[in-house]
Amino acid sequence: MSIVKKLRHKAETAEGATKKTVGKTLGNERMETEGSADQAKGNTKQTGDKLKQAGQKFKHVFTH
């Protein structure tokens, strides 16, 4: 997993959180909902990154 991908996923999560907050502040439900969805998508990708990394560590431990 490259550091660039990890940073992109973190940025996606942060962007979603910002969009959600701005939407809530402006009373724009659509923007708030889109922000929540973007944030959830970024969080899911980050979780996938962590699982992939844990799998690689597990594999490394049992193959050496």
PDB file of N, CA and C in Angstrom:
ATOM      1  N   MET A   1       0.852  -1.171   0.000  1.00  0.00           N
ATOM      2  CA  MET A   1       0.000   0.000   0.000  1.00  0.00           C
ATOM      3  C   MET A   1       0.897   1.232   0.000  1.00  0.00           C
ATOM      4  N   SER A   2       0.711   2.039  -0.980  1.00  0.00           N
ATOM      5  CA  SER A   2       1.556   3.221  -1.081  1.00  0.00           C
ATOM      6  C   SER A   2       1.065   4.327  -0.153  1.00  0.00           C
ATOM      7  N   ILE A   3       1.988   5.126   0.254  1.00  0.00           N
ATOM      8  CA  ILE A   3       1.674   6.260   1.132  1.00  0.00           C
ATOM      9  C   ILE A   3       0.752   7.244   0.416  1.00  0.00           C
ATOM     10  N   VAL A   4       0.886   7.338  -0.880  1.00  0.00           N
ATOM     11  CA  VAL A   4       0.051   8.263  -1.657  1.00  0.00           C
ATOM     12  C   VAL A   4      -1.419   7.841  -1.577  1.00  0.00           C
ATOM     13  N   LYS A   5      -1.678   6.538  -1.696  1.00  0.00           N
ATOM     14  CA  LYS A   5      -3.052   6.048  -1.607  1.00  0.00           C
ATOM     15  C   LYS A   5      -3.622   6.300  -0.215  1.00  0.00           C
ATOM     16  N   LYS A   6      -2.810   6.050   0.802  1.00  0.00           N
ATOM     17  CA  LYS A   6      -3.266   6.278   2.177  1.00  0.00           C
ATOM     18  C   LYS A   6      -3.625   7.744   2.385  1.00  0.00           C
ATOM     19  N   LEU A   7      -2.797   8.628   1.870  1.00  0.00           N
ATOM     20  CA  LEU A   7      -3.061  10.064   2.001  1.00  0.00           C
ATOM     21  C   LEU A   7      -4.321  10.474   1.241  1.00  0.00           C
ATOM     22  N   ARG A   8      -4.529   9.883   0.078  1.00  0.00           N
ATOM     23  CA  ARG A   8      -5.743  10.183  -0.693  1.00  0.00           C
ATOM     24  C   ARG A   8      -6.989   9.791   0.081  1.00  0.00           C
ATOM     25  N   HIS A   9      -6.937   8.621   0.708  1.00  0.00           N
ATOM     26  CA  HIS A   9      -8.092   8.150   1.465  1.00  0.00           C
ATOM     27  C   HIS A   9      -8.349   9.025   2.689  1.00  0.00           C
ATOM     28  N   LYS A  10      -7.275   9.465   3.343  1.00  0.00           N
ATOM     29  CA  LYS A  10      -7.436  10.375   4.485  1.00  0.00           C
ATOM     30  C   LYS A  10      -8.003  11.716   4.013  1.00  0.00           C
ATOM     31  N   ALA A  11      -7.528  12.188   2.873  1.00  0.00           N
ATOM     32  CA  ALA A  11      -8.009  13.452   2.320  1.00  0.00           C
ATOM     33  C   ALA A  11      -9.484  13.346   1.945  1.00  0.00           C
ATOM     34  N   GLU A  12      -9.879  12.205   1.397  1.00  0.00           N
ATOM     35  CA  GLU A  12     -11.281  11.998   1.028  1.00  0.00           C
ATOM     36  C   GLU A  12     -12.171  12.055   2.275  1.00  0.00           C
ATOM     37  N   THR A  13     -11.710  11.444   3.355  1.00  0.00           N
ATOM     38  CA  THR A  13     -12.455  11.466   4.609  1.00  0.00           C
ATOM     39  C   THR A  13     -12.568  12.896   5.144  1.00  0.00           C
ATOM     40  N   ALA A  14     -11.460  13.607   5.131  1.00  0.00           N
ATOM     41  CA  ALA A  14     -11.458  14.997   5.621  1.00  0.00           C
ATOM     42  C   ALA A  14     -12.333  15.889   4.753  1.00  0.00           C
ATOM     43  N   GLU A  15     -12.260  15.698   3.451  1.00  0.00           N
ATOM     44  CA  GLU A  15     -13.071  16.496   2.534  1.00  0.00           C
ATOM     45  C   GLU A  15     -14.559  16.239   2.784  1.00  0.00           C
ATOM     46  N   GLY A  16     -14.901  14.971   3.004  1.00  0.00           N
ATOM     47  CA  GLY A  16     -16.298  14.640   3.295  1.00  0.00           C
ATOM     48  C   GLY A  16     -16.775  15.281   4.584  1.00  0.00           C
ATOM     49  N   ALA A  17     -15.920  15.256   5.609  1.00  0.00           N
ATOM     50  CA  ALA A  17     -16.284  15.857   6.897  1.00  0.00           C
ATOM     51  C   ALA A  17     -16.489  17.363   6.751  1.00  0.00           C
ATOM     52  N   THR A  18     -15.626  17.989   5.976  1.00  0.00           N
ATOM     53  CA  THR A  18     -15.739  19.433   5.740  1.00  0.00           C
ATOM     54  C   THR A  18     -17.020  19.751   4.989  1.00  0.00           C
ATOM     55  N   LYS A  19     -17.277  18.976   3.956  1.00  0.00           N
ATOM     56  CA  LYS A  19     -18.482  19.191   3.145  1.00  0.00           C
ATOM     57  C   LYS A  19     -19.744  18.995   3.996  1.00  0.00           C
ATOM     58  N   LYS A  20     -19.714  17.999   4.865  1.00  0.00           N
ATOM     59  CA  LYS A  20     -20.850  17.743   5.755  1.00  0.00           C
ATOM     60  C   LYS A  20     -21.078  18.928   6.695  1.00  0.00           C
ATOM     61  N   THR A  21     -19.990  19.444   7.275  1.00  0.00           N
ATOM     62  CA  THR A  21     -20.086  20.572   8.199  1.00  0.00           C
ATOM     63  C   THR A  21     -20.592  21.832   7.498  1.00  0.00           C
ATOM     64  N   VAL A  22     -20.062  22.104   6.315  1.00  0.00           N
ATOM     65  CA  VAL A  22     -20.492  23.282   5.554  1.00  0.00           C
ATOM     66  C   VAL A  22     -21.970  23.146   5.193  1.00  0.00           C
ATOM     67  N   GLY A  23     -22.356  21.947   4.750  1.00  0.00           N
ATOM     68  CA  GLY A  23     -23.758  21.721   4.404  1.00  0.00           C
ATOM     69  C   GLY A  23     -24.677  21.933   5.595  1.00  0.00           C
ATOM     70  N   LYS A  24     -24.250  21.447   6.753  1.00  0.00           N
ATOM     71  CA  LYS A  24     -25.055  21.610   7.969  1.00  0.00           C
ATOM     72  C   LYS A  24     -25.153  23.086   8.356  1.00  0.00           C
ATOM     73  N   THR A  25     -24.031  23.794   8.259  1.00  0.00           N
ATOM     74  CA  THR A  25     -23.989  25.216   8.605  1.00  0.00           C
ATOM     75  C   THR A  25     -24.895  26.036   7.689  1.00  0.00           C
ATOM     76  N   LEU A  26     -24.876  25.688   6.400  1.00  0.00           N
ATOM     77  CA  LEU A  26     -25.675  26.427   5.425  1.00  0.00           C
ATOM     78  C   LEU A  26     -27.127  25.961   5.359  1.00  0.00           C
ATOM     79  N   GLY A  27     -27.427  24.869   6.034  1.00  0.00           N
ATOM     80  CA  GLY A  27     -28.772  24.317   5.968  1.00  0.00           C
ATOM     81  C   GLY A  27     -29.034  23.598   4.657  1.00  0.00           C
ATOM     82  N   ASN A  28     -27.961  23.163   3.998  1.00  0.00           N
ATOM     83  CA  ASN A  28     -28.067  22.472   2.721  1.00  0.00           C
ATOM     84  C   ASN A  28     -28.006  20.962   2.983  1.00  0.00           C
ATOM     85  N   GLU A  29     -29.180  20.328   3.031  1.00  0.00           N
ATOM     86  CA  GLU A  29     -29.249  18.905   3.356  1.00  0.00           C
ATOM     87  C   GLU A  29     -28.540  18.033   2.336  1.00  0.00           C
ATOM     88  N   ARG A  30     -28.633  18.411   1.075  1.00  0.00           N
ATOM     89  CA  ARG A  30     -27.993  17.619   0.019  1.00  0.00           C
ATOM     90  C   ARG A  30     -26.474  17.608   0.216  1.00  0.00           C
ATOM     91  N   MET A  31     -25.890  18.766   0.453  1.00  0.00           N
ATOM     92  CA  MET A  31     -24.443  18.863   0.663  1.00  0.00           C
ATOM     93  C   MET A  31     -24.035  18.085   1.916  1.00  0.00           C
ATOM     94  N   GLU A  32     -24.835  18.206   2.959  1.00  0.00           N
ATOM     95  CA  GLU A  32     -24.548  17.502   4.206  1.00  0.00           C
ATOM     96  C   GLU A  32     -24.572  15.987   3.987  1.00  0.00           C
ATOM     97  N   THR A  33     -25.557  15.515   3.244  1.00  0.00           N
ATOM     98  CA  THR A  33     -25.675  14.086   2.953  1.00  0.00           C
ATOM     99  C   THR A  33     -24.519  13.602   2.083  1.00  0.00           C
ATOM    100  N   GLU A  34     -24.171  14.378   1.068  1.00  0.00           N
ATOM    101  CA  GLU A  34     -23.041  14.021   0.205  1.00  0.00           C
ATOM    102  C   GLU A  34     -21.746  13.973   1.013  1.00  0.00           C
ATOM    103  N   GLY A  35     -21.581  14.926   1.916  1.00  0.00           N
ATOM    104  CA  GLY A  35     -20.395  14.946   2.767  1.00  0.00           C
ATOM    105  C   GLY A  35     -20.320  13.723   3.655  1.00  0.00           C
ATOM    106  N   SER A  36     -21.451  13.335   4.215  1.00  0.00           N
ATOM    107  CA  SER A  36     -21.491  12.126   5.049  1.00  0.00           C
ATOM    108  C   SER A  36     -21.119  10.895   4.234  1.00  0.00           C
ATOM    109  N   ALA A  37     -21.637  10.820   3.023  1.00  0.00           N
ATOM    110  CA  ALA A  37     -21.336   9.684   2.151  1.00  0.00           C
ATOM    111  C   ALA A  37     -19.850   9.656   1.778  1.00  0.00           C
ATOM    112  N   ASP A  38     -19.300  10.815   1.438  1.00  0.00           N
ATOM    113  CA  ASP A  38     -17.881  10.893   1.088  1.00  0.00           C
ATOM    114  C   ASP A  38     -17.002  10.509   2.280  1.00  0.00           C
ATOM    115  N   GLN A  39     -17.401  10.971   3.448  1.00  0.00           N
ATOM    116  CA  GLN A  39     -16.644  10.663   4.663  1.00  0.00           C
ATOM    117  C   GLN A  39     -16.689   9.158   4.937  1.00  0.00           C
ATOM    118  N   ALA A  40     -17.850   8.553   4.800  1.00  0.00           N
ATOM    119  CA  ALA A  40     -17.992   7.115   5.027  1.00  0.00           C
ATOM    120  C   ALA A  40     -17.171   6.326   4.005  1.00  0.00           C
ATOM    121  N   LYS A  41     -17.175   6.784   2.777  1.00  0.00           N
ATOM    122  CA  LYS A  41     -16.404   6.121   1.721  1.00  0.00           C
ATOM    123  C   LYS A  41     -14.910   6.168   2.035  1.00  0.00           C
ATOM    124  N   GLY A  42     -14.437   7.325   2.460  1.00  0.00           N
ATOM    125  CA  GLY A  42     -13.029   7.464   2.828  1.00  0.00           C
ATOM    126  C   GLY A  42     -12.669   6.599   4.022  1.00  0.00           C
ATOM    127  N   ASN A  43     -13.557   6.555   5.026  1.00  0.00           N
ATOM    128  CA  ASN A  43     -13.316   5.717   6.195  1.00  0.00           C
ATOM    129  C   ASN A  43     -13.257   4.237   5.821  1.00  0.00           C
ATOM    130  N   THR A  44     -14.137   3.828   4.918  1.00  0.00           N
ATOM    131  CA  THR A  44     -14.151   2.439   4.465  1.00  0.00           C
ATOM    132  C   THR A  44     -12.844   2.094   3.754  1.00  0.00           C
ATOM    133  N   LYS A  45     -12.368   2.991   2.931  1.00  0.00           N
ATOM    134  CA  LYS A  45     -11.103   2.755   2.230  1.00  0.00           C
ATOM    135  C   LYS A  45      -9.936   2.691   3.212  1.00  0.00           C
ATOM    136  N   GLN A  46      -9.961   3.541   4.235  1.00  0.00           N
ATOM    137  CA  GLN A  46      -8.899   3.506   5.243  1.00  0.00           C
ATOM    138  C   GLN A  46      -8.919   2.183   6.008  1.00  0.00           C
ATOM    139  N   THR A  47     -10.115   1.689   6.313  1.00  0.00           N
ATOM    140  CA  THR A  47     -10.239   0.406   6.997  1.00  0.00           C
ATOM    141  C   THR A  47      -9.689  -0.710   6.111  1.00  0.00           C
ATOM    142  N   GLY A  48      -9.988  -0.648   4.825  1.00  0.00           N
ATOM    143  CA  GLY A  48      -9.449  -1.623   3.880  1.00  0.00           C
ATOM    144  C   GLY A  48      -7.929  -1.579   3.845  1.00  0.00           C
ATOM    145  N   ASP A  49      -7.368  -0.380   3.875  1.00  0.00           N
ATOM    146  CA  ASP A  49      -5.913  -0.224   3.899  1.00  0.00           C
ATOM    147  C   ASP A  49      -5.326  -0.899   5.140  1.00  0.00           C
ATOM    148  N   LYS A  50      -5.967  -0.677   6.288  1.00  0.00           N
ATOM    149  CA  LYS A  50      -5.472  -1.252   7.544  1.00  0.00           C
ATOM    150  C   LYS A  50      -5.567  -2.768   7.530  1.00  0.00           C
ATOM    151  N   LEU A  51      -6.657  -3.306   6.994  1.00  0.00           N
ATOM    152  CA  LEU A  51      -6.812  -4.756   6.913  1.00  0.00           C
ATOM    153  C   LEU A  51      -5.771  -5.369   5.973  1.00  0.00           C
ATOM    154  N   LYS A  52      -5.543  -4.700   4.876  1.00  0.00           N
ATOM    155  CA  LYS A  52      -4.553  -5.180   3.914  1.00  0.00           C
ATOM    156  C   LYS A  52      -3.160  -5.191   4.546  1.00  0.00           C
ATOM    157  N   GLN A  53      -2.840  -4.134   5.259  1.00  0.00           N
ATOM    158  CA  GLN A  53      -1.538  -4.035   5.923  1.00  0.00           C
ATOM    159  C   GLN A  53      -1.406  -5.111   7.001  1.00  0.00           C
ATOM    160  N   ALA A  54      -2.476  -5.345   7.767  1.00  0.00           N
ATOM    161  CA  ALA A  54      -2.443  -6.376   8.807  1.00  0.00           C
ATOM    162  C   ALA A  54      -2.262  -7.762   8.174  1.00  0.00           C
ATOM    163  N   GLY A  55      -2.913  -7.992   7.052  1.00  0.00           N
ATOM    164  CA  GLY A  55      -2.766  -9.262   6.343  1.00  0.00           C
ATOM    165  C   GLY A  55      -1.344  -9.474   5.871  1.00  0.00           C
ATOM    166  N   GLN A  56      -0.713  -8.418   5.400  1.00  0.00           N
ATOM    167  CA  GLN A  56       0.673  -8.521   4.943  1.00  0.00           C
ATOM    168  C   GLN A  56       1.603  -8.825   6.103  1.00  0.00           C
ATOM    169  N   LYS A  57       1.355  -8.199   7.257  1.00  0.00           N
ATOM    170  CA  LYS A  57       2.186  -8.467   8.440  1.00  0.00           C
ATOM    171  C   LYS A  57       1.989  -9.910   8.903  1.00  0.00           C
ATOM    172  N   PHE A  58       0.747 -10.363   8.905  1.00  0.00           N
ATOM    173  CA  PHE A  58       0.430 -11.720   9.307  1.00  0.00           C
ATOM    174  C   PHE A  58       1.135 -12.720   8.392  1.00  0.00           C
ATOM    175  N   LYS A  59       1.047 -12.471   7.098  1.00  0.00           N
ATOM    176  CA  LYS A  59       1.685 -13.335   6.110  1.00  0.00           C
ATOM    177  C   LYS A  59       3.197 -13.368   6.332  1.00  0.00           C
ATOM    178  N   HIS A  60       3.771 -12.209   6.594  1.00  0.00           N
ATOM    179  CA  HIS A  60       5.215 -12.097   6.800  1.00  0.00           C
ATOM    180  C   HIS A  60       5.654 -12.909   8.031  1.00  0.00           C
ATOM    181  N   VAL A  61       4.890 -12.835   9.093  1.00  0.00           N
ATOM    182  CA  VAL A  61       5.222 -13.553  10.323  1.00  0.00           C
ATOM    183  C   VAL A  61       5.222 -15.067  10.111  1.00  0.00           C
ATOM    184  N   PHE A  62       4.244 -15.555   9.358  1.00  0.00           N
ATOM    185  CA  PHE A  62       4.104 -16.996   9.197  1.00  0.00           C
ATOM    186  C   PHE A  62       4.866 -17.579   8.012  1.00  0.00           C
ATOM    187  N   THR A  63       5.467 -16.735   7.201  1.00  0.00           N
ATOM    188  CA  THR A  63       6.260 -17.262   6.086  1.00  0.00           C
ATOM    189  C   THR A  63       7.749 -17.189   6.376  1.00  0.00           C
ATOM    190  N   HIS A  64       8.109 -16.548   7.476  1.00  0.00           N
ATOM    191  CA  HIS A  64       9.541 -16.449   7.811  1.00  0.00           C
ATOM    192  C   HIS A  64       9.851 -17.129   9.074  1.00  0.00           C
TER     193      HIS A  64
END
